[in-house]
Amino acid sequence: MNSHCFQLPLIALLVLVALVSFVRNETTERPSISDEALEKTLSDKRYLQRQLKCAVGEAPCDPVGRRLKSLAPLVLRGSCPQCTEQEKKQIKKVLAYVQVNFPKEWNKMLQTYAG
């Protein structure tokens, strides 16, 4: 299967991980994540590695990782109608970052959730 068709959905999932990590208060609406907050998340390689390993079943999950795992199948089917234009832009950014910096984890995510 062509990995290109899974790029946008997976990145939506990763943006959700970033959102969850920076949201401290419980609200019914999903707050937007600033570009600065996204950069901070992307710079924390250890955090990203932990979430990606959780998602493919190689490490224990924290609440963010459990959310990631529960959303992965839905997001990989391309179901992100609630994404804003800003989130779509951020999704592309995270996608590029994960593919370059975490190629093994990227491939494992595709294998785990694309099948």
PDB file of N, CA and C in Angstrom:
ATOM      1  N   MET A   1       0.835  -1.174   0.000  1.00  0.00           N
ATOM      2  CA  MET A   1       0.000   0.000   0.000  1.00  0.00           C
ATOM      3  C   MET A   1       0.885   1.245   0.000  1.00  0.00           C
ATOM      4  N   ASN A   2       0.525   2.246  -0.690  1.00  0.00           N
ATOM      5  CA  ASN A   2       1.296   3.482  -0.798  1.00  0.00           C
ATOM      6  C   ASN A   2       1.237   4.247   0.520  1.00  0.00           C
ATOM      7  N   SER A   3       2.420   4.545   1.099  1.00  0.00           N
ATOM      8  CA  SER A   3       2.449   5.242   2.385  1.00  0.00           C
ATOM      9  C   SER A   3       1.971   6.678   2.275  1.00  0.00           C
ATOM     10  N   HIS A   4       1.966   7.236   1.069  1.00  0.00           N
ATOM     11  CA  HIS A   4       1.528   8.625   0.889  1.00  0.00           C
ATOM     12  C   HIS A   4       0.084   8.819   1.347  1.00  0.00           C
ATOM     13  N   CYS A   5      -0.755   7.822   1.135  1.00  0.00           N
ATOM     14  CA  CYS A   5      -2.164   7.968   1.490  1.00  0.00           C
ATOM     15  C   CYS A   5      -2.378   7.997   3.004  1.00  0.00           C
ATOM     16  N   PHE A   6      -1.373   7.615   3.777  1.00  0.00           N
ATOM     17  CA  PHE A   6      -1.491   7.622   5.228  1.00  0.00           C
ATOM     18  C   PHE A   6      -0.818   8.826   5.866  1.00  0.00           C
ATOM     19  N   GLN A   7      -0.175   9.673   5.090  1.00  0.00           N
ATOM     20  CA  GLN A   7       0.608  10.763   5.649  1.00  0.00           C
ATOM     21  C   GLN A   7      -0.236  11.768   6.409  1.00  0.00           C
ATOM     22  N   LEU A   8      -1.227  12.338   5.791  1.00  0.00           N
ATOM     23  CA  LEU A   8      -2.033  13.367   6.441  1.00  0.00           C
ATOM     24  C   LEU A   8      -2.761  12.827   7.672  1.00  0.00           C
ATOM     25  N   PRO A   9      -3.381  11.652   7.598  1.00  0.00           N
ATOM     26  CA  PRO A   9      -4.062  11.156   8.786  1.00  0.00           C
ATOM     27  C   PRO A   9      -3.115  10.909   9.964  1.00  0.00           C
ATOM     28  N   LEU A  10      -1.949  10.361   9.724  1.00  0.00           N
ATOM     29  CA  LEU A  10      -1.033  10.091  10.820  1.00  0.00           C
ATOM     30  C   LEU A  10      -0.570  11.384  11.463  1.00  0.00           C
ATOM     31  N   ILE A  11      -0.325  12.365  10.680  1.00  0.00           N
ATOM     32  CA  ILE A  11       0.129  13.628  11.228  1.00  0.00           C
ATOM     33  C   ILE A  11      -0.979  14.276  12.057  1.00  0.00           C
ATOM     34  N   ALA A  12      -2.232  14.094  11.651  1.00  0.00           N
ATOM     35  CA  ALA A  12      -3.348  14.602  12.455  1.00  0.00           C
ATOM     36  C   ALA A  12      -3.307  13.959  13.830  1.00  0.00           C
ATOM     37  N   LEU A  13      -3.014  12.696  13.845  1.00  0.00           N
ATOM     38  CA  LEU A  13      -2.902  11.978  15.098  1.00  0.00           C
ATOM     39  C   LEU A  13      -1.779  12.552  15.955  1.00  0.00           C
ATOM     40  N   LEU A  14      -0.658  12.841  15.356  1.00  0.00           N
ATOM     41  CA  LEU A  14       0.465  13.392  16.100  1.00  0.00           C
ATOM     42  C   LEU A  14       0.187  14.801  16.594  1.00  0.00           C
ATOM     43  N   VAL A  15      -0.527  15.570  15.811  1.00  0.00           N
ATOM     44  CA  VAL A  15      -0.905  16.905  16.275  1.00  0.00           C
ATOM     45  C   VAL A  15      -1.827  16.783  17.485  1.00  0.00           C
ATOM     46  N   LEU A  16      -2.708  15.803  17.471  1.00  0.00           N
ATOM     47  CA  LEU A  16      -3.570  15.591  18.636  1.00  0.00           C
ATOM     48  C   LEU A  16      -2.740  15.256  19.868  1.00  0.00           C
ATOM     49  N   VAL A  17      -1.677  14.475  19.674  1.00  0.00           N
ATOM     50  CA  VAL A  17      -0.784  14.177  20.790  1.00  0.00           C
ATOM     51  C   VAL A  17      -0.195  15.472  21.339  1.00  0.00           C
ATOM     52  N   ALA A  18       0.246  16.334  20.449  1.00  0.00           N
ATOM     53  CA  ALA A  18       0.805  17.615  20.883  1.00  0.00           C
ATOM     54  C   ALA A  18      -0.251  18.442  21.609  1.00  0.00           C
ATOM     55  N   LEU A  19      -1.468  18.439  21.088  1.00  0.00           N
ATOM     56  CA  LEU A  19      -2.549  19.189  21.733  1.00  0.00           C
ATOM     57  C   LEU A  19      -2.790  18.690  23.143  1.00  0.00           C
ATOM     58  N   VAL A  20      -2.891  17.386  23.273  1.00  0.00           N
ATOM     59  CA  VAL A  20      -3.172  16.814  24.581  1.00  0.00           C
ATOM     60  C   VAL A  20      -2.050  17.144  25.558  1.00  0.00           C
ATOM     61  N   SER A  21      -0.815  17.126  25.083  1.00  0.00           N
ATOM     62  CA  SER A  21       0.311  17.358  25.990  1.00  0.00           C
ATOM     63  C   SER A  21       0.354  18.779  26.521  1.00  0.00           C
ATOM     64  N   PHE A  22      -0.219  19.736  25.810  1.00  0.00           N
ATOM     65  CA  PHE A  22      -0.164  21.123  26.244  1.00  0.00           C
ATOM     66  C   PHE A  22      -1.467  21.631  26.854  1.00  0.00           C
ATOM     67  N   VAL A  23      -2.483  20.838  26.822  1.00  0.00           N
ATOM     68  CA  VAL A  23      -3.756  21.253  27.413  1.00  0.00           C
ATOM     69  C   VAL A  23      -3.749  20.851  28.881  1.00  0.00           C
ATOM     70  N   ARG A  24      -3.838  21.806  29.758  1.00  0.00           N
ATOM     71  CA  ARG A  24      -3.793  21.541  31.196  1.00  0.00           C
ATOM     72  C   ARG A  24      -5.188  21.524  31.814  1.00  0.00           C
ATOM     73  N   ASN A  25      -6.114  22.232  31.211  1.00  0.00           N
ATOM     74  CA  ASN A  25      -7.457  22.270  31.778  1.00  0.00           C
ATOM     75  C   ASN A  25      -8.403  21.465  30.898  1.00  0.00           C
ATOM     76  N   GLU A  26      -9.416  20.901  31.525  1.00  0.00           N
ATOM     77  CA  GLU A  26     -10.403  20.110  30.805  1.00  0.00           C
ATOM     78  C   GLU A  26     -11.462  21.031  30.212  1.00  0.00           C
ATOM     79  N   THR A  27     -11.632  20.974  28.906  1.00  0.00           N
ATOM     80  CA  THR A  27     -12.679  21.745  28.250  1.00  0.00           C
ATOM     81  C   THR A  27     -13.395  20.840  27.269  1.00  0.00           C
ATOM     82  N   THR A  28     -14.571  21.254  26.861  1.00  0.00           N
ATOM     83  CA  THR A  28     -15.301  20.459  25.889  1.00  0.00           C
ATOM     84  C   THR A  28     -14.854  20.776  24.473  1.00  0.00           C
ATOM     85  N   GLU A  29     -14.292  21.955  24.267  1.00  0.00           N
ATOM     86  CA  GLU A  29     -13.792  22.307  22.950  1.00  0.00           C
ATOM     87  C   GLU A  29     -12.311  22.004  22.875  1.00  0.00           C
ATOM     88  N   ARG A  30     -11.862  21.606  21.687  1.00  0.00           N
ATOM     89  CA  ARG A  30     -10.449  21.328  21.488  1.00  0.00           C
ATOM     90  C   ARG A  30      -9.733  22.648  21.237  1.00  0.00           C
ATOM     91  N   PRO A  31      -8.830  23.041  22.129  1.00  0.00           N
ATOM     92  CA  PRO A  31      -8.119  24.300  21.914  1.00  0.00           C
ATOM     93  C   PRO A  31      -7.097  24.151  20.794  1.00  0.00           C
ATOM     94  N   SER A  32      -6.780  25.250  20.165  1.00  0.00           N
ATOM     95  CA  SER A  32      -5.765  25.185  19.121  1.00  0.00           C
ATOM     96  C   SER A  32      -4.399  25.198  19.780  1.00  0.00           C
ATOM     97  N   ILE A  33      -3.442  24.632  19.091  1.00  0.00           N
ATOM     98  CA  ILE A  33      -2.073  24.614  19.590  1.00  0.00           C
ATOM     99  C   ILE A  33      -1.288  25.678  18.840  1.00  0.00           C
ATOM    100  N   SER A  34      -0.500  26.428  19.562  1.00  0.00           N
ATOM    101  CA  SER A  34       0.298  27.467  18.913  1.00  0.00           C
ATOM    102  C   SER A  34       1.470  26.824  18.187  1.00  0.00           C
ATOM    103  N   ASP A  35       1.990  27.539  17.205  1.00  0.00           N
ATOM    104  CA  ASP A  35       3.169  27.042  16.505  1.00  0.00           C
ATOM    105  C   ASP A  35       4.337  26.890  17.477  1.00  0.00           C
ATOM    106  N   GLU A  36       4.406  27.785  18.454  1.00  0.00           N
ATOM    107  CA  GLU A  36       5.471  27.712  19.463  1.00  0.00           C
ATOM    108  C   GLU A  36       5.349  26.431  20.293  1.00  0.00           C
ATOM    109  N   ALA A  37       4.135  26.099  20.706  1.00  0.00           N
ATOM    110  CA  ALA A  37       3.915  24.882  21.484  1.00  0.00           C
ATOM    111  C   ALA A  37       4.243  23.647  20.654  1.00  0.00           C
ATOM    112  N   LEU A  38       3.897  23.680  19.379  1.00  0.00           N
ATOM    113  CA  LEU A  38       4.208  22.562  18.497  1.00  0.00           C
ATOM    114  C   LEU A  38       5.719  22.396  18.367  1.00  0.00           C
ATOM    115  N   GLU A  39       6.431  23.496  18.196  1.00  0.00           N
ATOM    116  CA  GLU A  39       7.896  23.447  18.114  1.00  0.00           C
ATOM    117  C   GLU A  39       8.486  22.850  19.386  1.00  0.00           C
ATOM    118  N   LYS A  40       7.939  23.233  20.524  1.00  0.00           N
ATOM    119  CA  LYS A  40       8.429  22.711  21.798  1.00  0.00           C
ATOM    120  C   LYS A  40       8.228  21.197  21.864  1.00  0.00           C
ATOM    121  N   THR A  41       7.083  20.729  21.438  1.00  0.00           N
ATOM    122  CA  THR A  41       6.813  19.297  21.427  1.00  0.00           C
ATOM    123  C   THR A  41       7.759  18.579  20.479  1.00  0.00           C
ATOM    124  N   LEU A  42       7.953  19.123  19.289  1.00  0.00           N
ATOM    125  CA  LEU A  42       8.841  18.490  18.315  1.00  0.00           C
ATOM    126  C   LEU A  42      10.289  18.464  18.794  1.00  0.00           C
ATOM    127  N   SER A  43      10.672  19.418  19.597  1.00  0.00           N
ATOM    128  CA  SER A  43      12.054  19.453  20.082  1.00  0.00           C
ATOM    129  C   SER A  43      12.299  18.444  21.200  1.00  0.00           C
ATOM    130  N   ASP A  44      11.238  17.894  21.761  1.00  0.00           N
ATOM    131  CA  ASP A  44      11.374  16.904  22.833  1.00  0.00           C
ATOM    132  C   ASP A  44      11.351  15.498  22.225  1.00  0.00           C
ATOM    133  N   LYS A  45      12.496  15.091  21.697  1.00  0.00           N
ATOM    134  CA  LYS A  45      12.577  13.804  20.998  1.00  0.00           C
ATOM    135  C   LYS A  45      12.247  12.628  21.911  1.00  0.00           C
ATOM    136  N   ARG A  46      12.642  12.735  23.149  1.00  0.00           N
ATOM    137  CA  ARG A  46      12.365  11.659  24.094  1.00  0.00           C
ATOM    138  C   ARG A  46      10.852  11.466  24.274  1.00  0.00           C
ATOM    139  N   TYR A  47      10.139  12.561  24.403  1.00  0.00           N
ATOM    140  CA  TYR A  47       8.681  12.510  24.545  1.00  0.00           C
ATOM    141  C   TYR A  47       8.036  11.902  23.297  1.00  0.00           C
ATOM    142  N   LEU A  48       8.437  12.386  22.127  1.00  0.00           N
ATOM    143  CA  LEU A  48       7.869  11.859  20.886  1.00  0.00           C
ATOM    144  C   LEU A  48       8.170  10.377  20.733  1.00  0.00           C
ATOM    145  N   GLN A  49       9.401   9.984  21.029  1.00  0.00           N
ATOM    146  CA  GLN A  49       9.797   8.574  20.932  1.00  0.00           C
ATOM    147  C   GLN A  49       8.907   7.717  21.837  1.00  0.00           C
ATOM    148  N   ARG A  50       8.681   8.186  23.052  1.00  0.00           N
ATOM    149  CA  ARG A  50       7.853   7.441  24.009  1.00  0.00           C
ATOM    150  C   ARG A  50       6.425   7.272  23.484  1.00  0.00           C
ATOM    151  N   GLN A  51       5.856   8.343  22.924  1.00  0.00           N
ATOM    152  CA  GLN A  51       4.487   8.261  22.408  1.00  0.00           C
ATOM    153  C   GLN A  51       4.406   7.344  21.189  1.00  0.00           C
ATOM    154  N   LEU A  52       5.398   7.422  20.314  1.00  0.00           N
ATOM    155  CA  LEU A  52       5.408   6.566  19.130  1.00  0.00           C
ATOM    156  C   LEU A  52       5.579   5.101  19.522  1.00  0.00           C
ATOM    157  N   LYS A  53       6.445   4.815  20.488  1.00  0.00           N
ATOM    158  CA  LYS A  53       6.634   3.434  20.943  1.00  0.00           C
ATOM    159  C   LYS A  53       5.362   2.898  21.595  1.00  0.00           C
ATOM    160  N   CYS A  54       4.700   3.726  22.347  1.00  0.00           N
ATOM    161  CA  CYS A  54       3.422   3.327  22.931  1.00  0.00           C
ATOM    162  C   CYS A  54       2.436   2.959  21.824  1.00  0.00           C
ATOM    163  N   ALA A  55       2.362   3.798  20.814  1.00  0.00           N
ATOM    164  CA  ALA A  55       1.386   3.612  19.737  1.00  0.00           C
ATOM    165  C   ALA A  55       1.568   2.295  18.997  1.00  0.00           C
ATOM    166  N   VAL A  56       2.809   1.803  18.923  1.00  0.00           N
ATOM    167  CA  VAL A  56       3.050   0.538  18.222  1.00  0.00           C
ATOM    168  C   VAL A  56       3.216  -0.633  19.191  1.00  0.00           C
ATOM    169  N   GLY A  57       2.897  -0.411  20.468  1.00  0.00           N
ATOM    170  CA  GLY A  57       2.903  -1.490  21.445  1.00  0.00           C
ATOM    171  C   GLY A  57       4.265  -1.892  21.970  1.00  0.00           C
ATOM    172  N   GLU A  58       5.248  -1.015  21.873  1.00  0.00           N
ATOM    173  CA  GLU A  58       6.597  -1.342  22.337  1.00  0.00           C
ATOM    174  C   GLU A  58       6.933  -0.733  23.692  1.00  0.00           C
ATOM    175  N   ALA A  59       6.036   0.047  24.253  1.00  0.00           N
ATOM    176  CA  ALA A  59       6.283   0.688  25.545  1.00  0.00           C
ATOM    177  C   ALA A  59       4.948   0.950  26.228  1.00  0.00           C
ATOM    178  N   PRO A  60       4.981   1.088  27.547  1.00  0.00           N
ATOM    179  CA  PRO A  60       3.747   1.423  28.264  1.00  0.00           C
ATOM    180  C   PRO A  60       3.210   2.783  27.814  1.00  0.00           C
ATOM    181  N   CYS A  61       1.927   2.949  27.971  1.00  0.00           N
ATOM    182  CA  CYS A  61       1.279   4.191  27.540  1.00  0.00           C
ATOM    183  C   CYS A  61       0.878   5.052  28.727  1.00  0.00           C
ATOM    184  N   ASP A  62       1.092   6.340  28.578  1.00  0.00           N
ATOM    185  CA  ASP A  62       0.543   7.305  29.519  1.00  0.00           C
ATOM    186  C   ASP A  62      -0.808   7.734  28.946  1.00  0.00           C
ATOM    187  N   PRO A  63      -1.529   8.639  29.577  1.00  0.00           N
ATOM    188  CA  PRO A  63      -2.833   9.045  29.037  1.00  0.00           C
ATOM    189  C   PRO A  63      -2.763   9.568  27.598  1.00  0.00           C
ATOM    190  N   VAL A  64      -1.699  10.292  27.264  1.00  0.00           N
ATOM    191  CA  VAL A  64      -1.556  10.795  25.895  1.00  0.00           C
ATOM    192  C   VAL A  64      -1.380   9.631  24.929  1.00  0.00           C
ATOM    193  N   GLY A  65      -0.548   8.682  25.290  1.00  0.00           N
ATOM    194  CA  GLY A  65      -0.319   7.522  24.432  1.00  0.00           C
ATOM    195  C   GLY A  65      -1.572   6.682  24.244  1.00  0.00           C
ATOM    196  N   ARG A  66      -2.340   6.521  25.316  1.00  0.00           N
ATOM    197  CA  ARG A  66      -3.600   5.766  25.191  1.00  0.00           C
ATOM    198  C   ARG A  66      -4.553   6.467  24.229  1.00  0.00           C
ATOM    199  N   ARG A  67      -4.586   7.791  24.308  1.00  0.00           N
ATOM    200  CA  ARG A  67      -5.439   8.561  23.383  1.00  0.00           C
ATOM    201  C   ARG A  67      -4.940   8.384  21.954  1.00  0.00           C
ATOM    202  N   LEU A  68      -3.639   8.432  21.781  1.00  0.00           N
ATOM    203  CA  LEU A  68      -3.029   8.229  20.472  1.00  0.00           C
ATOM    204  C   LEU A  68      -3.440   6.881  19.892  1.00  0.00           C
ATOM    205  N   LYS A  69      -3.319   5.834  20.698  1.00  0.00           N
ATOM    206  CA  LYS A  69      -3.677   4.498  20.227  1.00  0.00           C
ATOM    207  C   LYS A  69      -5.156   4.385  19.887  1.00  0.00           C
ATOM    208  N   SER A  70      -6.002   5.020  20.669  1.00  0.00           N
ATOM    209  CA  SER A  70      -7.437   4.910  20.408  1.00  0.00           C
ATOM    210  C   SER A  70      -7.852   5.671  19.154  1.00  0.00           C
ATOM    211  N   LEU A  71      -7.141   6.751  18.844  1.00  0.00           N
ATOM    212  CA  LEU A  71      -7.490   7.552  17.669  1.00  0.00           C
ATOM    213  C   LEU A  71      -6.835   7.066  16.384  1.00  0.00           C
ATOM    214  N   ALA A  72      -5.759   6.310  16.495  1.00  0.00           N
ATOM    215  CA  ALA A  72      -4.986   5.924  15.315  1.00  0.00           C
ATOM    216  C   ALA A  72      -5.824   5.287  14.204  1.00  0.00           C
ATOM    217  N   PRO A  73      -6.625   4.273  14.483  1.00  0.00           N
ATOM    218  CA  PRO A  73      -7.384   3.662  13.385  1.00  0.00           C
ATOM    219  C   PRO A  73      -8.315   4.649  12.677  1.00  0.00           C
ATOM    220  N   LEU A  74      -8.998   5.476  13.442  1.00  0.00           N
ATOM    221  CA  LEU A  74      -9.909   6.462  12.859  1.00  0.00           C
ATOM    222  C   LEU A  74      -9.150   7.468  12.000  1.00  0.00           C
ATOM    223  N   VAL A  75      -8.081   8.006  12.549  1.00  0.00           N
ATOM    224  CA  VAL A  75      -7.313   9.026  11.837  1.00  0.00           C
ATOM    225  C   VAL A  75      -6.658   8.445  10.590  1.00  0.00           C
ATOM    226  N   LEU A  76      -6.170   7.212  10.674  1.00  0.00           N
ATOM    227  CA  LEU A  76      -5.531   6.599   9.505  1.00  0.00           C
ATOM    228  C   LEU A  76      -6.518   6.319   8.379  1.00  0.00           C
ATOM    229  N   ARG A  77      -7.792   6.308   8.699  1.00  0.00           N
ATOM    230  CA  ARG A  77      -8.800   6.165   7.637  1.00  0.00           C
ATOM    231  C   ARG A  77      -9.123   7.513   7.003  1.00  0.00           C
ATOM    232  N   GLY A  78      -8.423   8.544   7.437  1.00  0.00           N
ATOM    233  CA  GLY A  78      -8.613   9.863   6.835  1.00  0.00           C
ATOM    234  C   GLY A  78      -9.777  10.632   7.419  1.00  0.00           C
ATOM    235  N   SER A  79     -10.185  10.270   8.615  1.00  0.00           N
ATOM    236  CA  SER A  79     -11.328  10.917   9.235  1.00  0.00           C
ATOM    237  C   SER A  79     -10.872  12.059  10.144  1.00  0.00           C
ATOM    238  N   CYS A  80     -10.724  13.231   9.564  1.00  0.00           N
ATOM    239  CA  CYS A  80     -10.361  14.412  10.350  1.00  0.00           C
ATOM    240  C   CYS A  80     -11.172  15.608   9.857  1.00  0.00           C
ATOM    241  N   PRO A  81     -12.496  15.474   9.783  1.00  0.00           N
ATOM    242  CA  PRO A  81     -13.307  16.587   9.280  1.00  0.00           C
ATOM    243  C   PRO A  81     -13.294  17.794  10.209  1.00  0.00           C
ATOM    244  N   GLN A  82     -12.957  17.571  11.477  1.00  0.00           N
ATOM    245  CA  GLN A  82     -12.942  18.665  12.431  1.00  0.00           C
ATOM    246  C   GLN A  82     -11.630  19.449  12.423  1.00  0.00           C
ATOM    247  N   CYS A  83     -10.646  19.043  11.623  1.00  0.00           N
ATOM    248  CA  CYS A  83      -9.359  19.745  11.589  1.00  0.00           C
ATOM    249  C   CYS A  83      -9.503  21.116  10.933  1.00  0.00           C
ATOM    250  N   THR A  84      -8.909  22.101  11.571  1.00  0.00           N
ATOM    251  CA  THR A  84      -8.905  23.454  11.012  1.00  0.00           C
ATOM    252  C   THR A  84      -7.769  23.582  10.000  1.00  0.00           C
ATOM    253  N   GLU A  85      -7.753  24.681   9.266  1.00  0.00           N
ATOM    254  CA  GLU A  85      -6.663  24.919   8.317  1.00  0.00           C
ATOM    255  C   GLU A  85      -5.326  25.001   9.050  1.00  0.00           C
ATOM    256  N   GLN A  86      -5.316  25.630  10.218  1.00  0.00           N
ATOM    257  CA  GLN A  86      -4.086  25.727  11.017  1.00  0.00           C
ATOM    258  C   GLN A  86      -3.596  24.340  11.411  1.00  0.00           C
ATOM    259  N   GLU A  87      -4.518  23.479  11.837  1.00  0.00           N
ATOM    260  CA  GLU A  87      -4.135  22.121  12.213  1.00  0.00           C
ATOM    261  C   GLU A  87      -3.608  21.354  11.011  1.00  0.00           C
ATOM    262  N   LYS A  88      -4.218  21.541   9.852  1.00  0.00           N
ATOM    263  CA  LYS A  88      -3.737  20.860   8.646  1.00  0.00           C
ATOM    264  C   LYS A  88      -2.313  21.290   8.307  1.00  0.00           C
ATOM    265  N   LYS A  89      -2.028  22.564   8.481  1.00  0.00           N
ATOM    266  CA  LYS A  89      -0.672  23.078   8.247  1.00  0.00           C
ATOM    267  C   LYS A  89       0.303  22.439   9.239  1.00  0.00           C
ATOM    268  N   GLN A  90      -0.112  22.370  10.495  1.00  0.00           N
ATOM    269  CA  GLN A  90       0.735  21.773  11.517  1.00  0.00           C
ATOM    270  C   GLN A  90       0.912  20.275  11.289  1.00  0.00           C
ATOM    271  N   ILE A  91      -0.127  19.636  10.796  1.00  0.00           N
ATOM    272  CA  ILE A  91      -0.063  18.217  10.488  1.00  0.00           C
ATOM    273  C   ILE A  91       1.032  17.952   9.460  1.00  0.00           C
ATOM    274  N   LYS A  92       1.080  18.751   8.421  1.00  0.00           N
ATOM    275  CA  LYS A  92       2.111  18.587   7.395  1.00  0.00           C
ATOM    276  C   LYS A  92       3.501  18.764   7.988  1.00  0.00           C
ATOM    277  N   LYS A  93       3.637  19.710   8.884  1.00  0.00           N
ATOM    278  CA  LYS A  93       4.931  19.976   9.519  1.00  0.00           C
ATOM    279  C   LYS A  93       5.373  18.784  10.362  1.00  0.00           C
ATOM    280  N   VAL A  94       4.457  18.257  11.175  1.00  0.00           N
ATOM    281  CA  VAL A  94       4.789  17.123  12.024  1.00  0.00           C
ATOM    282  C   VAL A  94       5.106  15.898  11.171  1.00  0.00           C
ATOM    283  N   LEU A  95       4.348  15.698  10.126  1.00  0.00           N
ATOM    284  CA  LEU A  95       4.587  14.572   9.229  1.00  0.00           C
ATOM    285  C   LEU A  95       6.008  14.590   8.700  1.00  0.00           C
ATOM    286  N   ALA A  96       6.417  15.716   8.172  1.00  0.00           N
ATOM    287  CA  ALA A  96       7.769  15.837   7.632  1.00  0.00           C
ATOM    288  C   ALA A  96       8.804  15.564   8.721  1.00  0.00           C
ATOM    289  N   TYR A  97       8.565  16.086   9.904  1.00  0.00           N
ATOM    290  CA  TYR A  97       9.503  15.914  11.009  1.00  0.00           C
ATOM    291  C   TYR A  97       9.621  14.443  11.413  1.00  0.00           C
ATOM    292  N   VAL A  98       8.501  13.767  11.564  1.00  0.00           N
ATOM    293  CA  VAL A  98       8.521  12.363  11.984  1.00  0.00           C
ATOM    294  C   VAL A  98       9.176  11.490  10.920  1.00  0.00           C
ATOM    295  N   GLN A  99       8.863  11.723   9.656  1.00  0.00           N
ATOM    296  CA  GLN A  99       9.457  10.912   8.595  1.00  0.00           C
ATOM    297  C   GLN A  99      10.972  11.049   8.561  1.00  0.00           C
ATOM    298  N   VAL A 100      11.481  12.246   8.783  1.00  0.00           N
ATOM    299  CA  VAL A 100      12.925  12.485   8.737  1.00  0.00           C
ATOM    300  C   VAL A 100      13.617  12.020  10.017  1.00  0.00           C
ATOM    301  N   ASN A 101      13.034  12.325  11.163  1.00  0.00           N
ATOM    302  CA  ASN A 101      13.696  12.081  12.440  1.00  0.00           C
ATOM    303  C   ASN A 101      13.360  10.752  13.110  1.00  0.00           C
ATOM    304  N   PHE A 102      12.260  10.147  12.725  1.00  0.00           N
ATOM    305  CA  PHE A 102      11.842   8.881  13.318  1.00  0.00           C
ATOM    306  C   PHE A 102      11.398   7.900  12.225  1.00  0.00           C
ATOM    307  N   PRO A 103      12.254   7.590  11.261  1.00  0.00           N
ATOM    308  CA  PRO A 103      11.820   6.746  10.136  1.00  0.00           C
ATOM    309  C   PRO A 103      11.395   5.338  10.552  1.00  0.00           C
ATOM    310  N   LYS A 104      12.067   4.749  11.530  1.00  0.00           N
ATOM    311  CA  LYS A 104      11.685   3.405  11.979  1.00  0.00           C
ATOM    312  C   LYS A 104      10.299   3.420  12.611  1.00  0.00           C
ATOM    313  N   GLU A 105      10.079   4.394  13.471  1.00  0.00           N
ATOM    314  CA  GLU A 105       8.783   4.501  14.132  1.00  0.00           C
ATOM    315  C   GLU A 105       7.676   4.811  13.128  1.00  0.00           C
ATOM    316  N   TRP A 106       7.982   5.648  12.152  1.00  0.00           N
ATOM    317  CA  TRP A 106       7.029   5.985  11.090  1.00  0.00           C
ATOM    318  C   TRP A 106       6.587   4.711  10.374  1.00  0.00           C
ATOM    319  N   ASN A 107       7.561   3.882   9.983  1.00  0.00           N
ATOM    320  CA  ASN A 107       7.234   2.643   9.277  1.00  0.00           C
ATOM    321  C   ASN A 107       6.446   1.685  10.160  1.00  0.00           C
ATOM    322  N   LYS A 108       6.794   1.618  11.437  1.00  0.00           N
ATOM    323  CA  LYS A 108       6.051   0.749  12.351  1.00  0.00           C
ATOM    324  C   LYS A 108       4.615   1.227  12.524  1.00  0.00           C
ATOM    325  N   MET A 109       4.423   2.539  12.585  1.00  0.00           N
ATOM    326  CA  MET A 109       3.060   3.079  12.684  1.00  0.00           C
ATOM    327  C   MET A 109       2.246   2.671  11.460  1.00  0.00           C
ATOM    328  N   LEU A 110       2.850   2.801  10.291  1.00  0.00           N
ATOM    329  CA  LEU A 110       2.142   2.423   9.069  1.00  0.00           C
ATOM    330  C   LEU A 110       1.805   0.939   9.078  1.00  0.00           C
ATOM    331  N   GLN A 111       2.768   0.103   9.470  1.00  0.00           N
ATOM    332  CA  GLN A 111       2.532  -1.339   9.516  1.00  0.00           C
ATOM    333  C   GLN A 111       1.459  -1.697  10.540  1.00  0.00           C
ATOM    334  N   THR A 112       1.492  -1.040  11.674  1.00  0.00           N
ATOM    335  CA  THR A 112       0.548  -1.344  12.747  1.00  0.00           C
ATOM    336  C   THR A 112      -0.877  -0.944  12.397  1.00  0.00           C
ATOM    337  N   TYR A 113      -1.046   0.236  11.831  1.00  0.00           N
ATOM    338  CA  TYR A 113      -2.391   0.765  11.637  1.00  0.00           C
ATOM    339  C   TYR A 113      -2.892   0.750  10.209  1.00  0.00           C
ATOM    340  N   ALA A 114      -2.034   0.473   9.249  1.00  0.00           N
ATOM    341  CA  ALA A 114      -2.479   0.456   7.853  1.00  0.00           C
ATOM    342  C   ALA A 114      -3.044  -0.902   7.474  1.00  0.00           C
ATOM    343  N   GLY A 115      -2.683  -1.924   8.221  1.00  0.00           N
ATOM    344  CA  GLY A 115      -3.100  -3.269   7.887  1.00  0.00           C
ATOM    345  C   GLY A 115      -4.417  -3.590   8.395  1.00  0.00           C
TER     346      GLY A 115
END
